[in-house]
Amino acid sequence: MINYEEELKKFKPCLDVDEIESAVYTRDLTDIVDILQEMLKTEKKTGKNKG
C-alpha cells in the first residue's frame, strides 16, 4: 500500500515554466539553420560556389 505522507515528503517540484523558459532562451544553442548559414558564409568567402 502507498504511504502518501512519505511520498509527499519525497516530492520535489519541477521548475516553473518561466524558469525553464529563461534557462533555455539564455543559452546559445546552435541548430541546423545556424550551421547552414555559416556554411553559406564560408562558401561565399572562399568562392567555392558549385553549380
PDB file of N, CA and C in Angstrom:
ATOM      1  N   MET A   1       0.837  -1.185   0.000  1.00  0.00           N
ATOM      2  CA  MET A   1       0.000   0.000   0.000  1.00  0.00           C
ATOM      3  C   MET A   1       0.886   1.255   0.000  1.00  0.00           C
ATOM      4  N   ILE A   2       0.462   2.264  -0.695  1.00  0.00           N
ATOM      5  CA  ILE A   2       1.237   3.510  -0.810  1.00  0.00           C
ATOM      6  C   ILE A   2       1.025   4.366   0.434  1.00  0.00           C
ATOM      7  N   ASN A   3       2.134   4.822   0.999  1.00  0.00           N
ATOM      8  CA  ASN A   3       2.078   5.729   2.129  1.00  0.00           C
ATOM      9  C   ASN A   3       2.176   7.153   1.571  1.00  0.00           C
ATOM     10  N   TYR A   4       1.063   7.814   1.472  1.00  0.00           N
ATOM     11  CA  TYR A   4       1.005   9.133   0.840  1.00  0.00           C
ATOM     12  C   TYR A   4       1.792  10.185   1.610  1.00  0.00           C
ATOM     13  N   GLU A   5       1.822  10.061   2.911  1.00  0.00           N
ATOM     14  CA  GLU A   5       2.586  11.025   3.714  1.00  0.00           C
ATOM     15  C   GLU A   5       4.077  10.928   3.395  1.00  0.00           C
ATOM     16  N   GLU A   6       4.593   9.714   3.260  1.00  0.00           N
ATOM     17  CA  GLU A   6       6.000   9.522   2.920  1.00  0.00           C
ATOM     18  C   GLU A   6       6.295  10.004   1.503  1.00  0.00           C
ATOM     19  N   GLU A   7       5.399   9.726   0.598  1.00  0.00           N
ATOM     20  CA  GLU A   7       5.577  10.166  -0.790  1.00  0.00           C
ATOM     21  C   GLU A   7       5.567  11.686  -0.887  1.00  0.00           C
ATOM     22  N   LEU A   8       4.721  12.343  -0.133  1.00  0.00           N
ATOM     23  CA  LEU A   8       4.686  13.810  -0.135  1.00  0.00           C
ATOM     24  C   LEU A   8       5.970  14.405   0.428  1.00  0.00           C
ATOM     25  N   LYS A   9       6.582  13.738   1.381  1.00  0.00           N
ATOM     26  CA  LYS A   9       7.854  14.209   1.936  1.00  0.00           C
ATOM     27  C   LYS A   9       8.959  14.140   0.886  1.00  0.00           C
ATOM     28  N   LYS A  10       8.891  13.155  -0.017  1.00  0.00           N
ATOM     29  CA  LYS A  10       9.902  12.975  -1.061  1.00  0.00           C
ATOM     30  C   LYS A  10       9.691  13.909  -2.251  1.00  0.00           C
ATOM     31  N   PHE A  11       8.514  14.497  -2.333  1.00  0.00           N
ATOM     32  CA  PHE A  11       8.148  15.296  -3.503  1.00  0.00           C
ATOM     33  C   PHE A  11       9.055  16.509  -3.657  1.00  0.00           C
ATOM     34  N   LYS A  12       9.557  16.696  -4.883  1.00  0.00           N
ATOM     35  CA  LYS A  12      10.334  17.889  -5.227  1.00  0.00           C
ATOM     36  C   LYS A  12       9.687  18.493  -6.460  1.00  0.00           C
ATOM     37  N   PRO A  13       9.200  19.728  -6.360  1.00  0.00           N
ATOM     38  CA  PRO A  13       8.527  20.335  -7.518  1.00  0.00           C
ATOM     39  C   PRO A  13       9.500  20.575  -8.664  1.00  0.00           C
ATOM     40  N   CYS A  14       8.993  20.464  -9.867  1.00  0.00           N
ATOM     41  CA  CYS A  14       9.818  20.724 -11.042  1.00  0.00           C
ATOM     42  C   CYS A  14       9.915  22.234 -11.267  1.00  0.00           C
ATOM     43  N   LEU A  15      10.807  22.621 -12.177  1.00  0.00           N
ATOM     44  CA  LEU A  15      10.972  24.040 -12.458  1.00  0.00           C
ATOM     45  C   LEU A  15       9.683  24.654 -12.995  1.00  0.00           C
ATOM     46  N   ASP A  16       9.470  25.859 -12.633  1.00  0.00           N
ATOM     47  CA  ASP A  16       8.344  26.616 -13.153  1.00  0.00           C
ATOM     48  C   ASP A  16       8.544  26.845 -14.653  1.00  0.00           C
ATOM     49  N   VAL A  17       7.489  27.000 -15.391  1.00  0.00           N
ATOM     50  CA  VAL A  17       7.598  27.204 -16.833  1.00  0.00           C
ATOM     51  C   VAL A  17       8.449  28.437 -17.132  1.00  0.00           C
ATOM     52  N   ASP A  18       8.282  29.498 -16.378  1.00  0.00           N
ATOM     53  CA  ASP A  18       9.075  30.710 -16.596  1.00  0.00           C
ATOM     54  C   ASP A  18      10.561  30.452 -16.372  1.00  0.00           C
ATOM     55  N   GLU A  19      10.878  29.661 -15.357  1.00  0.00           N
ATOM     56  CA  GLU A  19      12.275  29.348 -15.075  1.00  0.00           C
ATOM     57  C   GLU A  19      12.882  28.511 -16.198  1.00  0.00           C
ATOM     58  N   ILE A  20      12.113  27.566 -16.690  1.00  0.00           N
ATOM     59  CA  ILE A  20      12.592  26.728 -17.785  1.00  0.00           C
ATOM     60  C   ILE A  20      12.792  27.574 -19.033  1.00  0.00           C
ATOM     61  N   GLU A  21      11.827  28.436 -19.311  1.00  0.00           N
ATOM     62  CA  GLU A  21      11.888  29.298 -20.489  1.00  0.00           C
ATOM     63  C   GLU A  21      13.138  30.168 -20.450  1.00  0.00           C
ATOM     64  N   SER A  22      13.407  30.784 -19.330  1.00  0.00           N
ATOM     65  CA  SER A  22      14.579  31.657 -19.242  1.00  0.00           C
ATOM     66  C   SER A  22      15.868  30.842 -19.318  1.00  0.00           C
ATOM     67  N   ALA A  23      15.867  29.637 -18.771  1.00  0.00           N
ATOM     68  CA  ALA A  23      17.062  28.796 -18.843  1.00  0.00           C
ATOM     69  C   ALA A  23      17.353  28.387 -20.281  1.00  0.00           C
ATOM     70  N   VAL A  24      16.321  28.115 -21.048  1.00  0.00           N
ATOM     71  CA  VAL A  24      16.503  27.693 -22.439  1.00  0.00           C
ATOM     72  C   VAL A  24      16.895  28.866 -23.316  1.00  0.00           C
ATOM     73  N   TYR A  25      16.217  29.996 -23.168  1.00  0.00           N
ATOM     74  CA  TYR A  25      16.465  31.129 -24.057  1.00  0.00           C
ATOM     75  C   TYR A  25      17.787  31.831 -23.788  1.00  0.00           C
ATOM     76  N   THR A  26      18.358  31.670 -22.598  1.00  0.00           N
ATOM     77  CA  THR A  26      19.633  32.335 -22.314  1.00  0.00           C
ATOM     78  C   THR A  26      20.821  31.547 -22.835  1.00  0.00           C
ATOM     79  N   ARG A  27      20.606  30.323 -23.281  1.00  0.00           N
ATOM     80  CA  ARG A  27      21.697  29.518 -23.835  1.00  0.00           C
ATOM     81  C   ARG A  27      21.858  29.805 -25.311  1.00  0.00           C
ATOM     82  N   ASP A  28      23.086  29.737 -25.758  1.00  0.00           N
ATOM     83  CA  ASP A  28      23.378  29.935 -27.172  1.00  0.00           C
ATOM     84  C   ASP A  28      23.381  28.561 -27.837  1.00  0.00           C
ATOM     85  N   LEU A  29      22.216  28.179 -28.325  1.00  0.00           N
ATOM     86  CA  LEU A  29      22.078  26.861 -28.928  1.00  0.00           C
ATOM     87  C   LEU A  29      22.226  26.961 -30.441  1.00  0.00           C
ATOM     88  N   THR A  30      23.039  26.090 -30.994  1.00  0.00           N
ATOM     89  CA  THR A  30      23.242  26.050 -32.433  1.00  0.00           C
ATOM     90  C   THR A  30      22.295  25.020 -33.017  1.00  0.00           C
ATOM     91  N   ASP A  31      21.543  25.415 -34.023  1.00  0.00           N
ATOM     92  CA  ASP A  31      20.680  24.463 -34.695  1.00  0.00           C
ATOM     93  C   ASP A  31      21.122  24.327 -36.149  1.00  0.00           C
ATOM     94  N   ILE A  32      20.433  23.532 -36.913  1.00  0.00           N
ATOM     95  CA  ILE A  32      20.838  23.243 -38.285  1.00  0.00           C
ATOM     96  C   ILE A  32      20.819  24.504 -39.149  1.00  0.00           C
ATOM     97  N   VAL A  33      19.906  25.427 -38.878  1.00  0.00           N
ATOM     98  CA  VAL A  33      19.854  26.667 -39.655  1.00  0.00           C
ATOM     99  C   VAL A  33      21.131  27.479 -39.437  1.00  0.00           C
ATOM    100  N   ASP A  34      21.587  27.561 -38.194  1.00  0.00           N
ATOM    101  CA  ASP A  34      22.836  28.274 -37.898  1.00  0.00           C
ATOM    102  C   ASP A  34      24.012  27.640 -38.631  1.00  0.00           C
ATOM    103  N   ILE A  35      24.054  26.322 -38.646  1.00  0.00           N
ATOM    104  CA  ILE A  35      25.141  25.612 -39.316  1.00  0.00           C
ATOM    105  C   ILE A  35      25.114  25.879 -40.820  1.00  0.00           C
ATOM    106  N   LEU A  36      23.929  25.805 -41.420  1.00  0.00           N
ATOM    107  CA  LEU A  36      23.804  26.051 -42.859  1.00  0.00           C
ATOM    108  C   LEU A  36      24.179  27.488 -43.212  1.00  0.00           C
ATOM    109  N   GLN A  37      23.768  28.451 -42.395  1.00  0.00           N
ATOM    110  CA  GLN A  37      24.125  29.843 -42.654  1.00  0.00           C
ATOM    111  C   GLN A  37      25.636  30.031 -42.586  1.00  0.00           C
ATOM    112  N   GLU A  38      26.283  29.407 -41.638  1.00  0.00           N
ATOM    113  CA  GLU A  38      27.730  29.515 -41.512  1.00  0.00           C
ATOM    114  C   GLU A  38      28.419  28.871 -42.711  1.00  0.00           C
ATOM    115  N   MET A  39      27.885  27.756 -43.176  1.00  0.00           N
ATOM    116  CA  MET A  39      28.449  27.094 -44.350  1.00  0.00           C
ATOM    117  C   MET A  39      28.319  27.981 -45.585  1.00  0.00           C
ATOM    118  N   LEU A  40      27.182  28.649 -45.734  1.00  0.00           N
ATOM    119  CA  LEU A  40      26.983  29.548 -46.876  1.00  0.00           C
ATOM    120  C   LEU A  40      27.936  30.729 -46.826  1.00  0.00           C
ATOM    121  N   LYS A  41      28.125  31.300 -45.645  1.00  0.00           N
ATOM    122  CA  LYS A  41      29.067  32.408 -45.492  1.00  0.00           C
ATOM    123  C   LYS A  41      30.474  31.980 -45.877  1.00  0.00           C
ATOM    124  N   THR A  42      30.873  30.813 -45.403  1.00  0.00           N
ATOM    125  CA  THR A  42      32.210  30.298 -45.705  1.00  0.00           C
ATOM    126  C   THR A  42      32.368  30.052 -47.196  1.00  0.00           C
ATOM    127  N   GLU A  43      31.334  29.494 -47.807  1.00  0.00           N
ATOM    128  CA  GLU A  43      31.388  29.198 -49.236  1.00  0.00           C
ATOM    129  C   GLU A  43      31.502  30.483 -50.058  1.00  0.00           C
ATOM    130  N   LYS A  44      30.768  31.514 -49.665  1.00  0.00           N
ATOM    131  CA  LYS A  44      30.839  32.794 -50.373  1.00  0.00           C
ATOM    132  C   LYS A  44      32.212  33.432 -50.235  1.00  0.00           C
ATOM    133  N   LYS A  45      32.816  33.316 -49.047  1.00  0.00           N
ATOM    134  CA  LYS A  45      34.140  33.897 -48.810  1.00  0.00           C
ATOM    135  C   LYS A  45      35.219  33.199 -49.625  1.00  0.00           C
ATOM    136  N   THR A  46      35.127  31.890 -49.725  1.00  0.00           N
ATOM    137  CA  THR A  46      36.178  31.137 -50.422  1.00  0.00           C
ATOM    138  C   THR A  46      35.917  31.049 -51.910  1.00  0.00           C
ATOM    139  N   GLY A  47      34.732  31.392 -52.372  1.00  0.00           N
ATOM    140  CA  GLY A  47      34.421  31.375 -53.793  1.00  0.00           C
ATOM    141  C   GLY A  47      34.238  29.982 -54.371  1.00  0.00           C
ATOM    142  N   LYS A  48      33.930  29.036 -53.515  1.00  0.00           N
ATOM    143  CA  LYS A  48      33.734  27.659 -53.989  1.00  0.00           C
ATOM    144  C   LYS A  48      32.249  27.403 -54.260  1.00  0.00           C
ATOM    145  N   ASN A  49      31.684  28.191 -55.119  1.00  0.00           N
ATOM    146  CA  ASN A  49      30.279  28.068 -55.462  1.00  0.00           C
ATOM    147  C   ASN A  49      30.115  26.986 -56.520  1.00  0.00           C
ATOM    148  N   LYS A  50      29.509  25.877 -56.135  1.00  0.00           N
ATOM    149  CA  LYS A  50      29.310  24.752 -57.063  1.00  0.00           C
ATOM    150  C   LYS A  50      28.024  24.966 -57.832  1.00  0.00           C
ATOM    151  N   GLY A  51      28.017  24.522 -59.087  1.00  0.00           N
ATOM    152  CA  GLY A  51      26.761  24.592 -59.804  1.00  0.00           C
ATOM    153  C   GLY A  51      26.943  25.147 -61.105  1.00  0.00           C
TER     154      GLY A  51
END
